[in-house]
Amino acid sequence: MDAIELIPGNSLITKTPEEGRHLAIKLSRLIIKITQPDAAIRQQLRPRYAEDAALLIAIGQTVALEFATIAAANNYWRDQS
């Protein structure tokens, strides 16, 4: 497997909360890619979680956790103009 950059650009710093949210989604997707590196299997699994409310909530929780980490790294954007 090729090396995957787990933190794009090696930084959690973003200019805005919106950029932070996009980064959180990207990091969450990378978690899935690392956990299941076979793209064909990931494709096969998508219909299962697309219709399972509990799994969709788990996805949202993963993104929220990543976003909280990014927000903390950005000091909640308080120092940004």
PDB file of N, CA and C in Angstrom:
ATOM      1  N   MET A   1       0.839  -1.180   0.000  1.00  0.00           N
ATOM      2  CA  MET A   1       0.000   0.000   0.000  1.00  0.00           C
ATOM      3  C   MET A   1       0.884   1.244   0.000  1.00  0.00           C
ATOM      4  N   ASP A   2       0.504   2.213  -0.802  1.00  0.00           N
ATOM      5  CA  ASP A   2       1.234   3.474  -0.819  1.00  0.00           C
ATOM      6  C   ASP A   2       1.038   4.200   0.500  1.00  0.00           C
ATOM      7  N   ALA A   3       2.033   4.989   0.857  1.00  0.00           N
ATOM      8  CA  ALA A   3       1.921   5.789   2.078  1.00  0.00           C
ATOM      9  C   ALA A   3       0.813   6.820   1.901  1.00  0.00           C
ATOM     10  N   ILE A   4      -0.019   6.941   2.914  1.00  0.00           N
ATOM     11  CA  ILE A   4      -1.106   7.913   2.889  1.00  0.00           C
ATOM     12  C   ILE A   4      -0.745   9.032   3.849  1.00  0.00           C
ATOM     13  N   GLU A   5      -0.855  10.250   3.374  1.00  0.00           N
ATOM     14  CA  GLU A   5      -0.603  11.414   4.215  1.00  0.00           C
ATOM     15  C   GLU A   5      -1.794  11.576   5.164  1.00  0.00           C
ATOM     16  N   LEU A   6      -1.593  11.271   6.439  1.00  0.00           N
ATOM     17  CA  LEU A   6      -2.689  11.262   7.398  1.00  0.00           C
ATOM     18  C   LEU A   6      -3.134  12.661   7.816  1.00  0.00           C
ATOM     19  N   ILE A   7      -2.224  13.612   7.783  1.00  0.00           N
ATOM     20  CA  ILE A   7      -2.579  15.006   8.060  1.00  0.00           C
ATOM     21  C   ILE A   7      -2.127  15.813   6.841  1.00  0.00           C
ATOM     22  N   PRO A   8      -3.068  16.109   5.942  1.00  0.00           N
ATOM     23  CA  PRO A   8      -2.705  16.824   4.712  1.00  0.00           C
ATOM     24  C   PRO A   8      -1.930  18.108   5.003  1.00  0.00           C
ATOM     25  N   GLY A   9      -0.788  18.248   4.352  1.00  0.00           N
ATOM     26  CA  GLY A   9       0.061  19.413   4.572  1.00  0.00           C
ATOM     27  C   GLY A   9       0.718  19.425   5.938  1.00  0.00           C
ATOM     28  N   ASN A  10       0.586  18.330   6.691  1.00  0.00           N
ATOM     29  CA  ASN A  10       1.170  18.183   8.023  1.00  0.00           C
ATOM     30  C   ASN A  10       0.748  19.303   8.977  1.00  0.00           C
ATOM     31  N   SER A  11      -0.497  19.774   8.823  1.00  0.00           N
ATOM     32  CA  SER A  11      -0.982  20.840   9.692  1.00  0.00           C
ATOM     33  C   SER A  11      -2.495  20.744   9.873  1.00  0.00           C
ATOM     34  N   LEU A  12      -2.948  21.044  11.071  1.00  0.00           N
ATOM     35  CA  LEU A  12      -4.377  21.138  11.347  1.00  0.00           C
ATOM     36  C   LEU A  12      -4.855  22.588  11.337  1.00  0.00           C
ATOM     37  N   ILE A  13      -3.951  23.501  11.067  1.00  0.00           N
ATOM     38  CA  ILE A  13      -4.295  24.924  11.079  1.00  0.00           C
ATOM     39  C   ILE A  13      -5.072  25.278   9.813  1.00  0.00           C
ATOM     40  N   THR A  14      -6.228  25.904  10.007  1.00  0.00           N
ATOM     41  CA  THR A  14      -7.049  26.366   8.893  1.00  0.00           C
ATOM     42  C   THR A  14      -7.398  27.831   9.109  1.00  0.00           C
ATOM     43  N   LYS A  15      -7.753  28.511   8.032  1.00  0.00           N
ATOM     44  CA  LYS A  15      -8.069  29.946   8.125  1.00  0.00           C
ATOM     45  C   LYS A  15      -9.432  30.194   8.751  1.00  0.00           C
ATOM     46  N   THR A  16     -10.369  29.295   8.512  1.00  0.00           N
ATOM     47  CA  THR A  16     -11.741  29.498   8.982  1.00  0.00           C
ATOM     48  C   THR A  16     -12.318  28.199   9.525  1.00  0.00           C
ATOM     49  N   PRO A  17     -13.392  28.314  10.308  1.00  0.00           N
ATOM     50  CA  PRO A  17     -14.077  27.105  10.747  1.00  0.00           C
ATOM     51  C   PRO A  17     -14.599  26.277   9.561  1.00  0.00           C
ATOM     52  N   GLU A  18     -15.040  26.918   8.501  1.00  0.00           N
ATOM     53  CA  GLU A  18     -15.517  26.191   7.316  1.00  0.00           C
ATOM     54  C   GLU A  18     -14.399  25.322   6.734  1.00  0.00           C
ATOM     55  N   GLU A  19     -13.205  25.890   6.613  1.00  0.00           N
ATOM     56  CA  GLU A  19     -12.066  25.095   6.141  1.00  0.00           C
ATOM     57  C   GLU A  19     -11.754  23.969   7.126  1.00  0.00           C
ATOM     58  N   GLY A  20     -11.912  24.253   8.404  1.00  0.00           N
ATOM     59  CA  GLY A  20     -11.694  23.229   9.422  1.00  0.00           C
ATOM     60  C   GLY A  20     -12.674  22.079   9.295  1.00  0.00           C
ATOM     61  N   ARG A  21     -13.912  22.397   8.972  1.00  0.00           N
ATOM     62  CA  ARG A  21     -14.927  21.354   8.800  1.00  0.00           C
ATOM     63  C   ARG A  21     -14.598  20.474   7.596  1.00  0.00           C
ATOM     64  N   HIS A  22     -14.163  21.106   6.503  1.00  0.00           N
ATOM     65  CA  HIS A  22     -13.764  20.331   5.324  1.00  0.00           C
ATOM     66  C   HIS A  22     -12.577  19.428   5.642  1.00  0.00           C
ATOM     67  N   LEU A  23     -11.632  19.945   6.407  1.00  0.00           N
ATOM     68  CA  LEU A  23     -10.481  19.131   6.799  1.00  0.00           C
ATOM     69  C   LEU A  23     -10.932  17.962   7.681  1.00  0.00           C
ATOM     70  N   ALA A  24     -11.884  18.203   8.569  1.00  0.00           N
ATOM     71  CA  ALA A  24     -12.396  17.135   9.437  1.00  0.00           C
ATOM     72  C   ALA A  24     -13.019  16.012   8.604  1.00  0.00           C
ATOM     73  N   ILE A  25     -13.750  16.378   7.574  1.00  0.00           N
ATOM     74  CA  ILE A  25     -14.352  15.372   6.703  1.00  0.00           C
ATOM     75  C   ILE A  25     -13.264  14.589   5.976  1.00  0.00           C
ATOM     76  N   LYS A  26     -12.256  15.311   5.487  1.00  0.00           N
ATOM     77  CA  LYS A  26     -11.157  14.637   4.787  1.00  0.00           C
ATOM     78  C   LYS A  26     -10.431  13.660   5.710  1.00  0.00           C
ATOM     79  N   LEU A  27     -10.152  14.092   6.939  1.00  0.00           N
ATOM     80  CA  LEU A  27      -9.465  13.220   7.889  1.00  0.00           C
ATOM     81  C   LEU A  27     -10.320  11.996   8.220  1.00  0.00           C
ATOM     82  N   SER A  28     -11.610  12.188   8.346  1.00  0.00           N
ATOM     83  CA  SER A  28     -12.509  11.065   8.621  1.00  0.00           C
ATOM     84  C   SER A  28     -12.496  10.062   7.476  1.00  0.00           C
ATOM     85  N   ARG A  29     -12.457  10.564   6.250  1.00  0.00           N
ATOM     86  CA  ARG A  29     -12.397   9.673   5.091  1.00  0.00           C
ATOM     87  C   ARG A  29     -11.069   8.910   5.061  1.00  0.00           C
ATOM     88  N   LEU A  30     -10.000   9.582   5.478  1.00  0.00           N
ATOM     89  CA  LEU A  30      -8.702   8.915   5.513  1.00  0.00           C
ATOM     90  C   LEU A  30      -8.696   7.773   6.524  1.00  0.00           C
ATOM     91  N   ILE A  31      -9.412   7.951   7.626  1.00  0.00           N
ATOM     92  CA  ILE A  31      -9.512   6.881   8.627  1.00  0.00           C
ATOM     93  C   ILE A  31     -10.112   5.633   7.990  1.00  0.00           C
ATOM     94  N   ILE A  32     -11.165   5.833   7.214  1.00  0.00           N
ATOM     95  CA  ILE A  32     -11.820   4.702   6.546  1.00  0.00           C
ATOM     96  C   ILE A  32     -10.859   4.052   5.555  1.00  0.00           C
ATOM     97  N   LYS A  33     -10.140   4.870   4.804  1.00  0.00           N
ATOM     98  CA  LYS A  33      -9.206   4.349   3.799  1.00  0.00           C
ATOM     99  C   LYS A  33      -8.081   3.533   4.446  1.00  0.00           C
ATOM    100  N   ILE A  34      -7.602   3.987   5.584  1.00  0.00           N
ATOM    101  CA  ILE A  34      -6.543   3.261   6.292  1.00  0.00           C
ATOM    102  C   ILE A  34      -7.103   1.966   6.885  1.00  0.00           C
ATOM    103  N   THR A  35      -8.314   2.051   7.444  1.00  0.00           N
ATOM    104  CA  THR A  35      -8.924   0.887   8.074  1.00  0.00           C
ATOM    105  C   THR A  35      -9.264  -0.191   7.052  1.00  0.00           C
ATOM    106  N   GLN A  36      -9.778   0.235   5.894  1.00  0.00           N
ATOM    107  CA  GLN A  36     -10.114  -0.715   4.826  1.00  0.00           C
ATOM    108  C   GLN A  36      -9.453  -0.219   3.532  1.00  0.00           C
ATOM    109  N   PRO A  37      -8.222  -0.632   3.289  1.00  0.00           N
ATOM    110  CA  PRO A  37      -7.476  -0.125   2.130  1.00  0.00           C
ATOM    111  C   PRO A  37      -7.989  -0.628   0.776  1.00  0.00           C
ATOM    112  N   ASP A  38      -8.817  -1.660   0.754  1.00  0.00           N
ATOM    113  CA  ASP A  38      -9.315  -2.206  -0.509  1.00  0.00           C
ATOM    114  C   ASP A  38     -10.514  -1.385  -0.995  1.00  0.00           C
ATOM    115  N   ALA A  39     -10.319  -0.632  -2.070  1.00  0.00           N
ATOM    116  CA  ALA A  39     -11.373   0.246  -2.595  1.00  0.00           C
ATOM    117  C   ALA A  39     -12.615  -0.535  -3.009  1.00  0.00           C
ATOM    118  N   ALA A  40     -12.437  -1.710  -3.553  1.00  0.00           N
ATOM    119  CA  ALA A  40     -13.588  -2.520  -3.979  1.00  0.00           C
ATOM    120  C   ALA A  40     -14.448  -2.921  -2.780  1.00  0.00           C
ATOM    121  N   ILE A  41     -13.820  -3.271  -1.691  1.00  0.00           N
ATOM    122  CA  ILE A  41     -14.575  -3.631  -0.491  1.00  0.00           C
ATOM    123  C   ILE A  41     -15.297  -2.406   0.060  1.00  0.00           C
ATOM    124  N   ARG A  42     -14.624  -1.251   0.077  1.00  0.00           N
ATOM    125  CA  ARG A  42     -15.288  -0.023   0.535  1.00  0.00           C
ATOM    126  C   ARG A  42     -16.531   0.251  -0.304  1.00  0.00           C
ATOM    127  N   GLN A  43     -16.435   0.064  -1.606  1.00  0.00           N
ATOM    128  CA  GLN A  43     -17.588   0.268  -2.496  1.00  0.00           C
ATOM    129  C   GLN A  43     -18.713  -0.700  -2.149  1.00  0.00           C
ATOM    130  N   GLN A  44     -18.374  -1.945  -1.862  1.00  0.00           N
ATOM    131  CA  GLN A  44     -19.384  -2.945  -1.508  1.00  0.00           C
ATOM    132  C   GLN A  44     -20.088  -2.593  -0.200  1.00  0.00           C
ATOM    133  N   LEU A  45     -19.376  -1.978   0.723  1.00  0.00           N
ATOM    134  CA  LEU A  45     -19.939  -1.664   2.034  1.00  0.00           C
ATOM    135  C   LEU A  45     -20.821  -0.420   2.024  1.00  0.00           C
ATOM    136  N   ARG A  46     -20.618   0.476   1.074  1.00  0.00           N
ATOM    137  CA  ARG A  46     -21.365   1.743   1.065  1.00  0.00           C
ATOM    138  C   ARG A  46     -22.871   1.577   1.123  1.00  0.00           C
ATOM    139  N   PRO A  47     -23.468   0.675   0.338  1.00  0.00           N
ATOM    140  CA  PRO A  47     -24.927   0.538   0.423  1.00  0.00           C
ATOM    141  C   PRO A  47     -25.405   0.145   1.830  1.00  0.00           C
ATOM    142  N   ARG A  48     -24.606  -0.640   2.548  1.00  0.00           N
ATOM    143  CA  ARG A  48     -24.986  -1.048   3.909  1.00  0.00           C
ATOM    144  C   ARG A  48     -25.076   0.142   4.846  1.00  0.00           C
ATOM    145  N   TYR A  49     -24.013   0.955   4.878  1.00  0.00           N
ATOM    146  CA  TYR A  49     -24.059   2.055   5.835  1.00  0.00           C
ATOM    147  C   TYR A  49     -24.898   3.220   5.340  1.00  0.00           C
ATOM    148  N   ALA A  50     -25.156   3.304   4.048  1.00  0.00           N
ATOM    149  CA  ALA A  50     -25.988   4.377   3.511  1.00  0.00           C
ATOM    150  C   ALA A  50     -27.434   4.277   3.996  1.00  0.00           C
ATOM    151  N   GLU A  51     -27.846   3.072   4.388  1.00  0.00           N
ATOM    152  CA  GLU A  51     -29.225   2.869   4.828  1.00  0.00           C
ATOM    153  C   GLU A  51     -29.327   2.487   6.300  1.00  0.00           C
ATOM    154  N   ASP A  52     -28.244   2.621   7.032  1.00  0.00           N
ATOM    155  CA  ASP A  52     -28.229   2.258   8.442  1.00  0.00           C
ATOM    156  C   ASP A  52     -28.043   3.525   9.282  1.00  0.00           C
ATOM    157  N   ALA A  53     -29.102   3.940   9.956  1.00  0.00           N
ATOM    158  CA  ALA A  53     -29.067   5.192  10.717  1.00  0.00           C
ATOM    159  C   ALA A  53     -27.949   5.202  11.763  1.00  0.00           C
ATOM    160  N   ALA A  54     -27.740   4.088  12.442  1.00  0.00           N
ATOM    161  CA  ALA A  54     -26.695   4.040  13.473  1.00  0.00           C
ATOM    162  C   ALA A  54     -25.309   4.252  12.873  1.00  0.00           C
ATOM    163  N   LEU A  55     -25.065   3.666  11.712  1.00  0.00           N
ATOM    164  CA  LEU A  55     -23.762   3.842  11.068  1.00  0.00           C
ATOM    165  C   LEU A  55     -23.589   5.262  10.548  1.00  0.00           C
ATOM    166  N   LEU A  56     -24.665   5.864  10.052  1.00  0.00           N
ATOM    167  CA  LEU A  56     -24.583   7.255   9.600  1.00  0.00           C
ATOM    168  C   LEU A  56     -24.305   8.191  10.773  1.00  0.00           C
ATOM    169  N   ILE A  57     -24.910   7.914  11.916  1.00  0.00           N
ATOM    170  CA  ILE A  57     -24.640   8.709  13.117  1.00  0.00           C
ATOM    171  C   ILE A  57     -23.183   8.536  13.530  1.00  0.00           C
ATOM    172  N   ALA A  58     -22.658   7.322  13.449  1.00  0.00           N
ATOM    173  CA  ALA A  58     -21.251   7.068  13.791  1.00  0.00           C
ATOM    174  C   ALA A  58     -20.324   7.865  12.875  1.00  0.00           C
ATOM    175  N   ILE A  59     -20.672   7.965  11.612  1.00  0.00           N
ATOM    176  CA  ILE A  59     -19.877   8.770  10.681  1.00  0.00           C
ATOM    177  C   ILE A  59     -19.880  10.227  11.127  1.00  0.00           C
ATOM    178  N   GLY A  60     -21.062  10.738  11.468  1.00  0.00           N
ATOM    179  CA  GLY A  60     -21.159  12.115  11.954  1.00  0.00           C
ATOM    180  C   GLY A  60     -20.347  12.335  13.211  1.00  0.00           C
ATOM    181  N   GLN A  61     -20.346  11.365  14.106  1.00  0.00           N
ATOM    182  CA  GLN A  61     -19.565  11.483  15.340  1.00  0.00           C
ATOM    183  C   GLN A  61     -18.069  11.508  15.051  1.00  0.00           C
ATOM    184  N   THR A  62     -17.634  10.737  14.075  1.00  0.00           N
ATOM    185  CA  THR A  62     -16.221  10.725  13.697  1.00  0.00           C
ATOM    186  C   THR A  62     -15.809  12.080  13.158  1.00  0.00           C
ATOM    187  N   VAL A  63     -16.630  12.653  12.294  1.00  0.00           N
ATOM    188  CA  VAL A  63     -16.333  13.982  11.748  1.00  0.00           C
ATOM    189  C   VAL A  63     -16.314  15.018  12.878  1.00  0.00           C
ATOM    190  N   ALA A  64     -17.274  14.924  13.793  1.00  0.00           N
ATOM    191  CA  ALA A  64     -17.336  15.875  14.905  1.00  0.00           C
ATOM    192  C   ALA A  64     -16.091  15.789  15.777  1.00  0.00           C
ATOM    193  N   LEU A  65     -15.615  14.583  16.022  1.00  0.00           N
ATOM    194  CA  LEU A  65     -14.400  14.409  16.823  1.00  0.00           C
ATOM    195  C   LEU A  65     -13.190  15.017  16.115  1.00  0.00           C
ATOM    196  N   GLU A  66     -13.074  14.761  14.832  1.00  0.00           N
ATOM    197  CA  GLU A  66     -11.975  15.359  14.059  1.00  0.00           C
ATOM    198  C   GLU A  66     -12.086  16.889  14.085  1.00  0.00           C
ATOM    199  N   PHE A  67     -13.306  17.412  13.928  1.00  0.00           N
ATOM    200  CA  PHE A  67     -13.492  18.860  13.927  1.00  0.00           C
ATOM    201  C   PHE A  67     -13.120  19.458  15.283  1.00  0.00           C
ATOM    202  N   ALA A  68     -13.473  18.793  16.368  1.00  0.00           N
ATOM    203  CA  ALA A  68     -13.103  19.290  17.696  1.00  0.00           C
ATOM    204  C   ALA A  68     -11.588  19.367  17.851  1.00  0.00           C
ATOM    205  N   THR A  69     -10.891  18.376  17.328  1.00  0.00           N
ATOM    206  CA  THR A  69      -9.428  18.376  17.375  1.00  0.00           C
ATOM    207  C   THR A  69      -8.865  19.542  16.566  1.00  0.00           C
ATOM    208  N   ILE A  70      -9.406  19.749  15.376  1.00  0.00           N
ATOM    209  CA  ILE A  70      -8.950  20.845  14.521  1.00  0.00           C
ATOM    210  C   ILE A  70      -9.271  22.190  15.164  1.00  0.00           C
ATOM    211  N   ALA A  71     -10.462  22.318  15.734  1.00  0.00           N
ATOM    212  CA  ALA A  71     -10.836  23.574  16.392  1.00  0.00           C
ATOM    213  C   ALA A  71      -9.890  23.888  17.546  1.00  0.00           C
ATOM    214  N   ALA A  72      -9.554  22.877  18.332  1.00  0.00           N
ATOM    215  CA  ALA A  72      -8.615  23.091  19.437  1.00  0.00           C
ATOM    216  C   ALA A  72      -7.248  23.524  18.913  1.00  0.00           C
ATOM    217  N   ALA A  73      -6.799  22.891  17.821  1.00  0.00           N
ATOM    218  CA  ALA A  73      -5.503  23.257  17.239  1.00  0.00           C
ATOM    219  C   ALA A  73      -5.516  24.686  16.721  1.00  0.00           C
ATOM    220  N   ASN A  74      -6.669  25.183  16.364  1.00  0.00           N
ATOM    221  CA  ASN A  74      -6.807  26.543  15.842  1.00  0.00           C
ATOM    222  C   ASN A  74      -7.258  27.528  16.921  1.00  0.00           C
ATOM    223  N   ASN A  75      -7.168  27.092  18.172  1.00  0.00           N
ATOM    224  CA  ASN A  75      -7.593  27.934  19.289  1.00  0.00           C
ATOM    225  C   ASN A  75      -8.997  28.479  19.024  1.00  0.00           C
ATOM    226  N   TYR A  76      -9.829  27.610  18.438  1.00  0.00           N
ATOM    227  CA  TYR A  76     -11.222  27.928  18.129  1.00  0.00           C
ATOM    228  C   TYR A  76     -11.349  29.192  17.277  1.00  0.00           C
ATOM    229  N   TRP A  77     -10.351  29.482  16.500  1.00  0.00           N
ATOM    230  CA  TRP A  77     -10.309  30.609  15.558  1.00  0.00           C
ATOM    231  C   TRP A  77     -10.456  31.965  16.232  1.00  0.00           C
ATOM    232  N   ARG A  78     -10.204  32.037  17.544  1.00  0.00           N
ATOM    233  CA  ARG A  78     -10.326  33.311  18.281  1.00  0.00           C
ATOM    234  C   ARG A  78      -9.270  34.328  17.862  1.00  0.00           C
ATOM    235  N   ASP A  79      -8.092  33.826  17.495  1.00  0.00           N
ATOM    236  CA  ASP A  79      -6.996  34.747  17.148  1.00  0.00           C
ATOM    237  C   ASP A  79      -7.021  35.120  15.665  1.00  0.00           C
ATOM    238  N   GLN A  80      -7.996  34.610  14.932  1.00  0.00           N
ATOM    239  CA  GLN A  80      -8.064  34.889  13.494  1.00  0.00           C
ATOM    240  C   GLN A  80      -8.856  36.165  13.241  1.00  0.00           C
ATOM    241  N   SER A  81      -8.436  36.891  12.237  1.00  0.00           N
ATOM    242  CA  SER A  81      -9.140  38.121  11.864  1.00  0.00           C
ATOM    243  C   SER A  81     -10.126  37.839  10.766  1.00  0.00           C
TER     244      SER A  81
END
